[in-house]
PDB file of N, CA and C in Angstrom:
ATOM      1  N   UNK A   1      20.220 -44.891  50.744  1.00  0.00           N
ATOM      2  CA  UNK A   1      20.108 -44.009  49.601  1.00  0.00           C
ATOM      3  C   UNK A   1      19.115 -44.631  48.619  1.00  0.00           C
ATOM      4  N   UNK A   2      18.120 -43.856  48.291  1.00  0.00           N
ATOM      5  CA  UNK A   2      17.088 -44.297  47.365  1.00  0.00           C
ATOM      6  C   UNK A   2      17.452 -43.856  45.950  1.00  0.00           C
ATOM      7  N   UNK A   3      17.261 -44.739  44.974  1.00  0.00           N
ATOM      8  CA  UNK A   3      17.522 -44.423  43.569  1.00  0.00           C
ATOM      9  C   UNK A   3      16.211 -44.570  42.803  1.00  0.00           C
ATOM     10  N   UNK A   4      15.818 -43.487  42.119  1.00  0.00           N
ATOM     11  CA  UNK A   4      14.607 -43.504  41.305  1.00  0.00           C
ATOM     12  C   UNK A   4      15.008 -43.312  39.848  1.00  0.00           C
ATOM     13  N   UNK A   5      14.541 -44.204  38.971  1.00  0.00           N
ATOM     14  CA  UNK A   5      14.897 -44.164  37.557  1.00  0.00           C
ATOM     15  C   UNK A   5      13.682 -43.742  36.734  1.00  0.00           C
ATOM     16  N   UNK A   6      13.881 -42.722  35.897  1.00  0.00           N
ATOM     17  CA  UNK A   6      12.841 -42.217  35.006  1.00  0.00           C
ATOM     18  C   UNK A   6      13.377 -42.273  33.577  1.00  0.00           C
ATOM     19  N   UNK A   7      12.520 -42.634  32.629  1.00  0.00           N
ATOM     20  CA  UNK A   7      12.929 -42.687  31.220  1.00  0.00           C
ATOM     21  C   UNK A   7      11.960 -41.865  30.379  1.00  0.00           C
ATOM     22  N   UNK A   8      12.453 -41.392  29.231  1.00  0.00           N
ATOM     23  CA  UNK A   8      11.538 -40.722  28.311  1.00  0.00           C
ATOM     24  C   UNK A   8      10.819 -41.790  27.486  1.00  0.00           C
ATOM     25  N   UNK A   9       9.949 -41.356  26.588  1.00  0.00           N
ATOM     26  CA  UNK A   9       9.130 -42.321  25.845  1.00  0.00           C
ATOM     27  C   UNK A   9       9.913 -43.125  24.810  1.00  0.00           C
ATOM     28  N   UNK A  10      11.180 -42.771  24.573  1.00  0.00           N
ATOM     29  CA  UNK A  10      11.994 -43.481  23.590  1.00  0.00           C
ATOM     30  C   UNK A  10      12.921 -44.515  24.218  1.00  0.00           C
ATOM     31  N   UNK A  11      12.926 -44.582  25.537  1.00  0.00           N
ATOM     32  CA  UNK A  11      13.777 -45.545  26.244  1.00  0.00           C
ATOM     33  C   UNK A  11      12.892 -46.413  27.116  1.00  0.00           C
ATOM     34  N   UNK A  12      13.024 -47.706  26.928  1.00  0.00           N
ATOM     35  CA  UNK A  12      12.216 -48.649  27.686  1.00  0.00           C
ATOM     36  C   UNK A  12      12.741 -48.753  29.110  1.00  0.00           C
ATOM     37  N   UNK A  13      11.867 -48.514  30.061  1.00  0.00           N
ATOM     38  CA  UNK A  13      12.223 -48.705  31.460  1.00  0.00           C
ATOM     39  C   UNK A  13      11.856 -50.122  31.864  1.00  0.00           C
ATOM     40  N   UNK A  14      12.829 -50.878  32.361  1.00  0.00           N
ATOM     41  CA  UNK A  14      12.528 -52.237  32.797  1.00  0.00           C
ATOM     42  C   UNK A  14      13.280 -52.543  34.093  1.00  0.00           C
ATOM     43  N   UNK A  15      12.903 -53.611  34.727  1.00  0.00           N
ATOM     44  CA  UNK A  15      13.450 -53.983  36.031  1.00  0.00           C
ATOM     45  C   UNK A  15      14.956 -54.249  35.968  1.00  0.00           C
ATOM     46  N   UNK A  16      15.387 -54.950  34.940  1.00  0.00           N
ATOM     47  CA  UNK A  16      16.813 -55.272  34.804  1.00  0.00           C
ATOM     48  C   UNK A  16      17.661 -54.004  34.685  1.00  0.00           C
ATOM     49  N   UNK A  17      17.212 -53.049  33.869  1.00  0.00           N
ATOM     50  CA  UNK A  17      17.938 -51.791  33.705  1.00  0.00           C
ATOM     51  C   UNK A  17      17.958 -51.003  35.018  1.00  0.00           C
ATOM     52  N   UNK A  18      16.826 -50.943  35.693  1.00  0.00           N
ATOM     53  CA  UNK A  18      16.747 -50.225  36.972  1.00  0.00           C
ATOM     54  C   UNK A  18      17.668 -50.838  38.010  1.00  0.00           C
ATOM     55  N   UNK A  19      17.726 -52.165  38.053  1.00  0.00           N
ATOM     56  CA  UNK A  19      18.613 -52.842  39.014  1.00  0.00           C
ATOM     57  C   UNK A  19      20.077 -52.571  38.694  1.00  0.00           C
ATOM     58  N   UNK A  20      20.444 -52.593  37.405  1.00  0.00           N
ATOM     59  CA  UNK A  20      21.830 -52.313  37.029  1.00  0.00           C
ATOM     60  C   UNK A  20      22.209 -50.881  37.418  1.00  0.00           C
ATOM     61  N   UNK A  21      21.333 -49.916  37.118  1.00  0.00           N
ATOM     62  CA  UNK A  21      21.604 -48.515  37.452  1.00  0.00           C
ATOM     63  C   UNK A  21      21.705 -48.339  38.958  1.00  0.00           C
ATOM     64  N   UNK A  22      20.799 -48.947  39.694  1.00  0.00           N
ATOM     65  CA  UNK A  22      20.826 -48.860  41.151  1.00  0.00           C
ATOM     66  C   UNK A  22      22.154 -49.373  41.699  1.00  0.00           C
ATOM     67  N   UNK A  23      22.596 -50.537  41.234  1.00  0.00           N
ATOM     68  CA  UNK A  23      23.865 -51.107  41.710  1.00  0.00           C
ATOM     69  C   UNK A  23      25.045 -50.227  41.316  1.00  0.00           C
ATOM     70  N   UNK A  24      25.061 -49.740  40.073  1.00  0.00           N
ATOM     71  CA  UNK A  24      26.160 -48.894  39.610  1.00  0.00           C
ATOM     72  C   UNK A  24      26.271 -47.633  40.460  1.00  0.00           C
ATOM     73  N   UNK A  25      25.138 -47.017  40.771  1.00  0.00           N
ATOM     74  CA  UNK A  25      25.169 -45.792  41.568  1.00  0.00           C
ATOM     75  C   UNK A  25      25.489 -46.075  43.031  1.00  0.00           C
ATOM     76  N   UNK A  26      24.961 -47.158  43.564  1.00  0.00           N
ATOM     77  CA  UNK A  26      25.292 -47.533  44.951  1.00  0.00           C
ATOM     78  C   UNK A  26      26.804 -47.738  45.082  1.00  0.00           C
ATOM     79  N   UNK A  27      27.400 -48.424  44.112  1.00  0.00           N
ATOM     80  CA  UNK A  27      28.846 -48.671  44.142  1.00  0.00           C
ATOM     81  C   UNK A  27      29.637 -47.368  44.004  1.00  0.00           C
ATOM     82  N   UNK A  28      29.246 -46.532  43.045  1.00  0.00           N
ATOM     83  CA  UNK A  28      29.989 -45.293  42.775  1.00  0.00           C
ATOM     84  C   UNK A  28      29.885 -44.295  43.923  1.00  0.00           C
ATOM     85  N   UNK A  29      28.734 -44.251  44.574  1.00  0.00           N
ATOM     86  CA  UNK A  29      28.477 -43.226  45.597  1.00  0.00           C
ATOM     87  C   UNK A  29      28.561 -43.757  47.023  1.00  0.00           C
ATOM     88  N   UNK A  30      29.090 -44.956  47.181  1.00  0.00           N
ATOM     89  CA  UNK A  30      29.108 -45.624  48.483  1.00  0.00           C
ATOM     90  C   UNK A  30      29.697 -44.759  49.594  1.00  0.00           C
ATOM     91  N   UNK A  31      30.794 -44.073  49.324  1.00  0.00           N
ATOM     92  CA  UNK A  31      31.437 -43.310  50.401  1.00  0.00           C
ATOM     93  C   UNK A  31      30.654 -42.064  50.802  1.00  0.00           C
ATOM     94  N   UNK A  32      29.662 -41.680  49.998  1.00  0.00           N
ATOM     95  CA  UNK A  32      28.823 -40.526  50.328  1.00  0.00           C
ATOM     96  C   UNK A  32      27.434 -40.944  50.806  1.00  0.00           C
ATOM     97  N   UNK A  33      27.185 -42.231  50.961  1.00  0.00           N
ATOM     98  CA  UNK A  33      25.830 -42.725  51.221  1.00  0.00           C
ATOM     99  C   UNK A  33      25.193 -42.131  52.472  1.00  0.00           C
ATOM    100  N   UNK A  34      25.985 -41.762  53.464  1.00  0.00           N
ATOM    101  CA  UNK A  34      25.409 -41.179  54.671  1.00  0.00           C
ATOM    102  C   UNK A  34      24.939 -39.740  54.442  1.00  0.00           C
ATOM    103  N   UNK A  35      25.367 -39.110  53.356  1.00  0.00           N
ATOM    104  CA  UNK A  35      24.984 -37.736  53.043  1.00  0.00           C
ATOM    105  C   UNK A  35      23.867 -37.651  52.004  1.00  0.00           C
ATOM    106  N   UNK A  36      23.646 -38.726  51.256  1.00  0.00           N
ATOM    107  CA  UNK A  36      22.684 -38.710  50.144  1.00  0.00           C
ATOM    108  C   UNK A  36      21.393 -39.390  50.574  1.00  0.00           C
ATOM    109  N   UNK A  37      20.274 -38.679  50.391  1.00  0.00           N
ATOM    110  CA  UNK A  37      18.984 -39.295  50.694  1.00  0.00           C
ATOM    111  C   UNK A  37      18.370 -39.944  49.463  1.00  0.00           C
ATOM    112  N   UNK A  38      18.564 -39.301  48.302  1.00  0.00           N
ATOM    113  CA  UNK A  38      17.937 -39.822  47.087  1.00  0.00           C
ATOM    114  C   UNK A  38      18.734 -39.386  45.870  1.00  0.00           C
ATOM    115  N   UNK A  39      18.742 -40.257  44.856  1.00  0.00           N
ATOM    116  CA  UNK A  39      19.309 -39.918  43.552  1.00  0.00           C
ATOM    117  C   UNK A  39      18.226 -40.186  42.511  1.00  0.00           C
ATOM    118  N   UNK A  40      17.907 -39.158  41.734  1.00  0.00           N
ATOM    119  CA  UNK A  40      16.959 -39.319  40.640  1.00  0.00           C
ATOM    120  C   UNK A  40      17.744 -39.442  39.344  1.00  0.00           C
ATOM    121  N   UNK A  41      17.393 -40.454  38.561  1.00  0.00           N
ATOM    122  CA  UNK A  41      18.054 -40.739  37.293  1.00  0.00           C
ATOM    123  C   UNK A  41      17.057 -40.468  36.181  1.00  0.00           C
ATOM    124  N   UNK A  42      17.447 -39.626  35.230  1.00  0.00           N
ATOM    125  CA  UNK A  42      16.599 -39.329  34.084  1.00  0.00           C
ATOM    126  C   UNK A  42      17.355 -39.744  32.826  1.00  0.00           C
ATOM    127  N   UNK A  43      16.798 -40.715  32.101  1.00  0.00           N
ATOM    128  CA  UNK A  43      17.415 -41.220  30.879  1.00  0.00           C
ATOM    129  C   UNK A  43      16.620 -40.730  29.685  1.00  0.00           C
ATOM    130  N   UNK A  44      17.329 -40.231  28.672  1.00  0.00           N
ATOM    131  CA  UNK A  44      16.632 -39.750  27.488  1.00  0.00           C
ATOM    132  C   UNK A  44      17.425 -40.058  26.224  1.00  0.00           C
ATOM    133  N   UNK A  45      16.692 -40.117  25.122  1.00  0.00           N
ATOM    134  CA  UNK A  45      17.269 -40.283  23.791  1.00  0.00           C
ATOM    135  C   UNK A  45      17.240 -38.906  23.150  1.00  0.00           C
ATOM    136  N   UNK A  46      18.386 -38.312  22.968  1.00  0.00           N
ATOM    137  CA  UNK A  46      18.465 -36.931  22.503  1.00  0.00           C
ATOM    138  C   UNK A  46      17.938 -36.727  21.093  1.00  0.00           C
ATOM    139  N   UNK A  47      17.873 -37.778  20.300  1.00  0.00           N
ATOM    140  CA  UNK A  47      17.349 -37.654  18.941  1.00  0.00           C
ATOM    141  C   UNK A  47      15.951 -38.232  18.823  1.00  0.00           C
ATOM    142  N   UNK A  48      15.344 -38.518  19.930  1.00  0.00           N
ATOM    143  CA  UNK A  48      13.954 -38.964  19.919  1.00  0.00           C
ATOM    144  C   UNK A  48      13.689 -40.225  19.148  1.00  0.00           C
ATOM    145  N   UNK A  49      14.657 -41.125  19.081  1.00  0.00           N
ATOM    146  CA  UNK A  49      14.462 -42.392  18.406  1.00  0.00           C
ATOM    147  C   UNK A  49      14.534 -42.332  16.893  1.00  0.00           C
ATOM    148  N   UNK A  50      14.957 -41.206  16.326  1.00  0.00           N
ATOM    149  CA  UNK A  50      15.052 -41.093  14.863  1.00  0.00           C
ATOM    150  C   UNK A  50      16.182 -41.981  14.347  1.00  0.00           C
ATOM    151  N   UNK A  51      15.861 -42.820  13.394  1.00  0.00           N
ATOM    152  CA  UNK A  51      16.810 -43.807  12.875  1.00  0.00           C
ATOM    153  C   UNK A  51      17.915 -43.186  12.025  1.00  0.00           C
ATOM    154  N   UNK A  52      17.675 -42.011  11.457  1.00  0.00           N
ATOM    155  CA  UNK A  52      18.649 -41.412  10.539  1.00  0.00           C
ATOM    156  C   UNK A  52      19.788 -40.707  11.264  1.00  0.00           C
ATOM    157  N   UNK A  53      19.646 -40.466  12.547  1.00  0.00           N
ATOM    158  CA  UNK A  53      20.672 -39.774  13.315  1.00  0.00           C
ATOM    159  C   UNK A  53      21.413 -40.756  14.216  1.00  0.00           C
ATOM    160  N   UNK A  54      22.679 -40.488  14.523  1.00  0.00           N
ATOM    161  CA  UNK A  54      23.397 -41.385  15.430  1.00  0.00           C
ATOM    162  C   UNK A  54      22.771 -41.324  16.834  1.00  0.00           C
ATOM    163  N   UNK A  55      22.848 -42.432  17.520  1.00  0.00           N
ATOM    164  CA  UNK A  55      22.278 -42.482  18.861  1.00  0.00           C
ATOM    165  C   UNK A  55      23.071 -41.614  19.815  1.00  0.00           C
ATOM    166  N   UNK A  56      22.369 -40.807  20.574  1.00  0.00           N
ATOM    167  CA  UNK A  56      22.972 -40.060  21.667  1.00  0.00           C
ATOM    168  C   UNK A  56      22.031 -40.198  22.852  1.00  0.00           C
ATOM    169  N   UNK A  57      22.503 -40.883  23.853  1.00  0.00           N
ATOM    170  CA  UNK A  57      21.726 -41.082  25.073  1.00  0.00           C
ATOM    171  C   UNK A  57      22.241 -40.116  26.131  1.00  0.00           C
ATOM    172  N   UNK A  58      21.322 -39.596  26.917  1.00  0.00           N
ATOM    173  CA  UNK A  58      21.718 -38.686  27.986  1.00  0.00           C
ATOM    174  C   UNK A  58      21.247 -39.220  29.325  1.00  0.00           C
ATOM    175  N   UNK A  59      22.110 -39.109  30.311  1.00  0.00           N
ATOM    176  CA  UNK A  59      21.771 -39.461  31.682  1.00  0.00           C
ATOM    177  C   UNK A  59      21.937 -38.200  32.526  1.00  0.00           C
ATOM    178  N   UNK A  60      20.872 -37.807  33.193  1.00  0.00           N
ATOM    179  CA  UNK A  60      20.908 -36.696  34.136  1.00  0.00           C
ATOM    180  C   UNK A  60      20.739 -37.295  35.523  1.00  0.00           C
ATOM    181  N   UNK A  61      21.653 -36.966  36.421  1.00  0.00           N
ATOM    182  CA  UNK A  61      21.579 -37.431  37.803  1.00  0.00           C
ATOM    183  C   UNK A  61      21.355 -36.236  38.716  1.00  0.00           C
ATOM    184  N   UNK A  62      20.405 -36.364  39.606  1.00  0.00           N
ATOM    185  CA  UNK A  62      20.132 -35.331  40.600  1.00  0.00           C
ATOM    186  C   UNK A  62      20.229 -35.980  41.975  1.00  0.00           C
ATOM    187  N   UNK A  63      21.249 -35.588  42.729  1.00  0.00           N
ATOM    188  CA  UNK A  63      21.463 -36.152  44.063  1.00  0.00           C
ATOM    189  C   UNK A  63      20.950 -35.175  45.114  1.00  0.00           C
ATOM    190  N   UNK A  64      20.192 -35.688  46.044  1.00  0.00           N
ATOM    191  CA  UNK A  64      19.693 -34.895  47.168  1.00  0.00           C
ATOM    192  C   UNK A  64      20.589 -35.160  48.368  1.00  0.00           C
ATOM    193  N   UNK A  65      21.298 -34.128  48.793  1.00  0.00           N
ATOM    194  CA  UNK A  65      22.195 -34.238  49.940  1.00  0.00           C
ATOM    195  C   UNK A  65      21.527 -33.605  51.153  1.00  0.00           C
ATOM    196  N   UNK A  66      21.737 -34.198  52.328  1.00  0.00           N
ATOM    197  CA  UNK A  66      21.208 -33.632  53.561  1.00  0.00           C
ATOM    198  C   UNK A  66      21.701 -32.201  53.735  1.00  0.00           C
ATOM    199  N   UNK A  67      20.767 -31.261  53.864  1.00  0.00           N
ATOM    200  CA  UNK A  67      21.114 -29.883  54.158  1.00  0.00           C
ATOM    201  C   UNK A  67      21.728 -29.090  53.025  1.00  0.00           C
ATOM    202  N   UNK A  68      21.666 -29.584  51.788  1.00  0.00           N
ATOM    203  CA  UNK A  68      22.271 -28.901  50.645  1.00  0.00           C
ATOM    204  C   UNK A  68      21.289 -28.831  49.487  1.00  0.00           C
ATOM    205  N   UNK A  69      21.585 -27.946  48.564  1.00  0.00           N
ATOM    206  CA  UNK A  69      20.821 -27.878  47.328  1.00  0.00           C
ATOM    207  C   UNK A  69      21.087 -29.153  46.523  1.00  0.00           C
ATOM    208  N   UNK A  70      20.134 -29.564  45.689  1.00  0.00           N
ATOM    209  CA  UNK A  70      20.363 -30.743  44.854  1.00  0.00           C
ATOM    210  C   UNK A  70      21.588 -30.545  43.957  1.00  0.00           C
ATOM    211  N   UNK A  71      22.328 -31.613  43.754  1.00  0.00           N
ATOM    212  CA  UNK A  71      23.513 -31.619  42.899  1.00  0.00           C
ATOM    213  C   UNK A  71      23.114 -32.303  41.595  1.00  0.00           C
ATOM    214  N   UNK A  72      23.317 -31.619  40.452  1.00  0.00           N
ATOM    215  CA  UNK A  72      22.857 -32.145  39.168  1.00  0.00           C
ATOM    216  C   UNK A  72      24.007 -32.216  38.181  1.00  0.00           C
ATOM    217  N   UNK A  73      24.104 -33.357  37.488  1.00  0.00           N
ATOM    218  CA  UNK A  73      25.088 -33.533  36.420  1.00  0.00           C
ATOM    219  C   UNK A  73      24.404 -34.201  35.232  1.00  0.00           C
ATOM    220  N   UNK A  74      24.988 -33.986  34.042  1.00  0.00           N
ATOM    221  CA  UNK A  74      24.491 -34.624  32.818  1.00  0.00           C
ATOM    222  C   UNK A  74      25.675 -35.189  32.060  1.00  0.00           C
ATOM    223  N   UNK A  75      25.402 -36.304  31.363  1.00  0.00           N
ATOM    224  CA  UNK A  75      26.437 -36.879  30.510  1.00  0.00           C
ATOM    225  C   UNK A  75      25.770 -37.510  29.299  1.00  0.00           C
ATOM    226  N   UNK A  76      26.319 -37.233  28.125  1.00  0.00           N
ATOM    227  CA  UNK A  76      25.820 -37.830  26.885  1.00  0.00           C
ATOM    228  C   UNK A  76      26.837 -38.835  26.361  1.00  0.00           C
ATOM    229  N   UNK A  77      26.310 -39.920  25.777  1.00  0.00           N
ATOM    230  CA  UNK A  77      27.180 -40.959  25.229  1.00  0.00           C
ATOM    231  C   UNK A  77      26.417 -41.731  24.154  1.00  0.00           C
ATOM    232  N   UNK A  78      27.131 -42.661  23.529  1.00  0.00           N
ATOM    233  CA  UNK A  78      26.548 -43.449  22.442  1.00  0.00           C
ATOM    234  C   UNK A  78      25.552 -44.493  22.934  1.00  0.00           C
ATOM    235  N   UNK A  79      25.642 -44.878  24.222  1.00  0.00           N
ATOM    236  CA  UNK A  79      24.676 -45.840  24.761  1.00  0.00           C
ATOM    237  C   UNK A  79      24.390 -45.515  26.219  1.00  0.00           C
ATOM    238  N   UNK A  80      23.375 -46.162  26.775  1.00  0.00           N
ATOM    239  CA  UNK A  80      22.948 -45.851  28.143  1.00  0.00           C
ATOM    240  C   UNK A  80      23.984 -46.213  29.190  1.00  0.00           C
ATOM    241  N   UNK A  81      24.687 -47.326  28.991  1.00  0.00           N
ATOM    242  CA  UNK A  81      25.703 -47.723  29.981  1.00  0.00           C
ATOM    243  C   UNK A  81      26.781 -46.651  30.103  1.00  0.00           C
ATOM    244  N   UNK A  82      27.274 -46.182  28.974  1.00  0.00           N
ATOM    245  CA  UNK A  82      28.309 -45.147  29.010  1.00  0.00           C
ATOM    246  C   UNK A  82      27.775 -43.834  29.567  1.00  0.00           C
ATOM    247  N   UNK A  83      26.534 -43.512  29.254  1.00  0.00           N
ATOM    248  CA  UNK A  83      25.934 -42.276  29.760  1.00  0.00           C
ATOM    249  C   UNK A  83      25.787 -42.324  31.284  1.00  0.00           C
ATOM    250  N   UNK A  84      25.334 -43.457  31.808  1.00  0.00           N
ATOM    251  CA  UNK A  84      25.175 -43.596  33.263  1.00  0.00           C
ATOM    252  C   UNK A  84      26.536 -43.581  33.953  1.00  0.00           C
ATOM    253  N   UNK A  85      27.491 -44.326  33.424  1.00  0.00           N
ATOM    254  CA  UNK A  85      28.815 -44.371  34.037  1.00  0.00           C
ATOM    255  C   UNK A  85      29.494 -42.998  34.015  1.00  0.00           C
ATOM    256  N   UNK A  86      29.372 -42.276  32.898  1.00  0.00           N
ATOM    257  CA  UNK A  86      29.962 -40.942  32.805  1.00  0.00           C
ATOM    258  C   UNK A  86      29.313 -39.966  33.768  1.00  0.00           C
ATOM    259  N   UNK A  87      27.994 -40.028  33.875  1.00  0.00           N
ATOM    260  CA  UNK A  87      27.284 -39.141  34.801  1.00  0.00           C
ATOM    261  C   UNK A  87      27.641 -39.481  36.246  1.00  0.00           C
ATOM    262  N   UNK A  88      27.784 -40.767  36.557  1.00  0.00           N
ATOM    263  CA  UNK A  88      28.157 -41.174  37.921  1.00  0.00           C
ATOM    264  C   UNK A  88      29.538 -40.631  38.292  1.00  0.00           C
ATOM    265  N   UNK A  89      30.480 -40.701  37.354  1.00  0.00           N
ATOM    266  CA  UNK A  89      31.824 -40.164  37.622  1.00  0.00           C
ATOM    267  C   UNK A  89      31.763 -38.665  37.881  1.00  0.00           C
ATOM    268  N   UNK A  90      30.977 -37.946  37.085  1.00  0.00           N
ATOM    269  CA  UNK A  90      30.826 -36.508  37.287  1.00  0.00           C
ATOM    270  C   UNK A  90      30.192 -36.202  38.643  1.00  0.00           C
ATOM    271  N   UNK A  91      29.194 -37.001  39.021  1.00  0.00           N
ATOM    272  CA  UNK A  91      28.508 -36.777  40.292  1.00  0.00           C
ATOM    273  C   UNK A  91      29.440 -37.017  41.469  1.00  0.00           C
ATOM    274  N   UNK A  92      30.269 -38.043  41.386  1.00  0.00           N
ATOM    275  CA  UNK A  92      31.240 -38.305  42.451  1.00  0.00           C
ATOM    276  C   UNK A  92      32.154 -37.099  42.627  1.00  0.00           C
ATOM    277  N   UNK A  93      32.670 -36.568  41.541  1.00  0.00           N
ATOM    278  CA  UNK A  93      33.557 -35.392  41.620  1.00  0.00           C
ATOM    279  C   UNK A  93      32.825 -34.183  42.204  1.00  0.00           C
ATOM    280  N   UNK A  94      31.583 -33.962  41.783  1.00  0.00           N
ATOM    281  CA  UNK A  94      30.811 -32.816  42.265  1.00  0.00           C
ATOM    282  C   UNK A  94      30.521 -32.929  43.760  1.00  0.00           C
ATOM    283  N   UNK A  95      30.084 -34.101  44.201  1.00  0.00           N
ATOM    284  CA  UNK A  95      29.784 -34.274  45.625  1.00  0.00           C
ATOM    285  C   UNK A  95      31.055 -34.191  46.453  1.00  0.00           C
ATOM    286  N   UNK A  96      32.133 -34.774  45.966  1.00  0.00           N
ATOM    287  CA  UNK A  96      33.413 -34.694  46.669  1.00  0.00           C
ATOM    288  C   UNK A  96      33.829 -33.231  46.833  1.00  0.00           C
ATOM    289  N   UNK A  97      33.683 -32.466  45.777  1.00  0.00           N
ATOM    290  CA  UNK A  97      34.031 -31.041  45.820  1.00  0.00           C
ATOM    291  C   UNK A  97      33.108 -30.293  46.790  1.00  0.00           C
ATOM    292  N   UNK A  98      31.808 -30.558  46.719  1.00  0.00           N
ATOM    293  CA  UNK A  98      30.823 -29.879  47.573  1.00  0.00           C
ATOM    294  C   UNK A  98      31.073 -30.190  49.044  1.00  0.00           C
ATOM    295  N   UNK A  99      31.207 -31.449  49.374  1.00  0.00           N
ATOM    296  CA  UNK A  99      31.391 -31.836  50.775  1.00  0.00           C
ATOM    297  C   UNK A  99      32.772 -31.443  51.268  1.00  0.00           C
ATOM    298  N   UNK A 100      33.783 -31.512  50.412  1.00  0.00           N
ATOM    299  CA  UNK A 100      35.132 -31.113  50.790  1.00  0.00           C
ATOM    300  C   UNK A 100      35.216 -29.633  51.059  1.00  0.00           C
ATOM    301  N   UNK A 101      34.514 -28.842  50.260  1.00  0.00           N
ATOM    302  CA  UNK A 101      34.509 -27.397  50.429  1.00  0.00           C
ATOM    303  C   UNK A 101      33.845 -27.015  51.748  1.00  0.00           C
ATOM    304  N   UNK A 102      32.786 -27.732  52.123  1.00  0.00           N
ATOM    305  CA  UNK A 102      32.086 -27.433  53.363  1.00  0.00           C
ATOM    306  C   UNK A 102      32.898 -27.849  54.581  1.00  0.00           C
ATOM    307  N   UNK A 103      33.671 -28.913  54.448  1.00  0.00           N
ATOM    308  CA  UNK A 103      34.462 -29.416  55.579  1.00  0.00           C
ATOM    309  C   UNK A 103      35.598 -28.478  55.944  1.00  0.00           C
ATOM    310  N   UNK A 104      36.026 -27.613  55.024  1.00  0.00           N
ATOM    311  CA  UNK A 104      37.164 -26.722  55.295  1.00  0.00           C
ATOM    312  C   UNK A 104      36.731 -25.426  55.894  1.00  0.00           C
TER     313      UNK A 104
END
């Protein structure tokens, strides 16, 4: 399973962050790894870096499953770690539901 990380201009993309996200998603999606070809991660700052507003980070995950339409989830949180973890939990539930529905 390939993980691609994209950031907007208000979030610094670096190797350490990409490695953490890759590991977090590999761990969360391990049981679906044979069905997933790629996961695209899009990180954004919903307030565009404005200092006067509270931070709201968004993580959008798009999983490409063999033979299925892409599965997309979004999660907003106060920081990137919480946004990624929340989106990963949502993606696990969505893929479980999608694959479970097809198996029946």
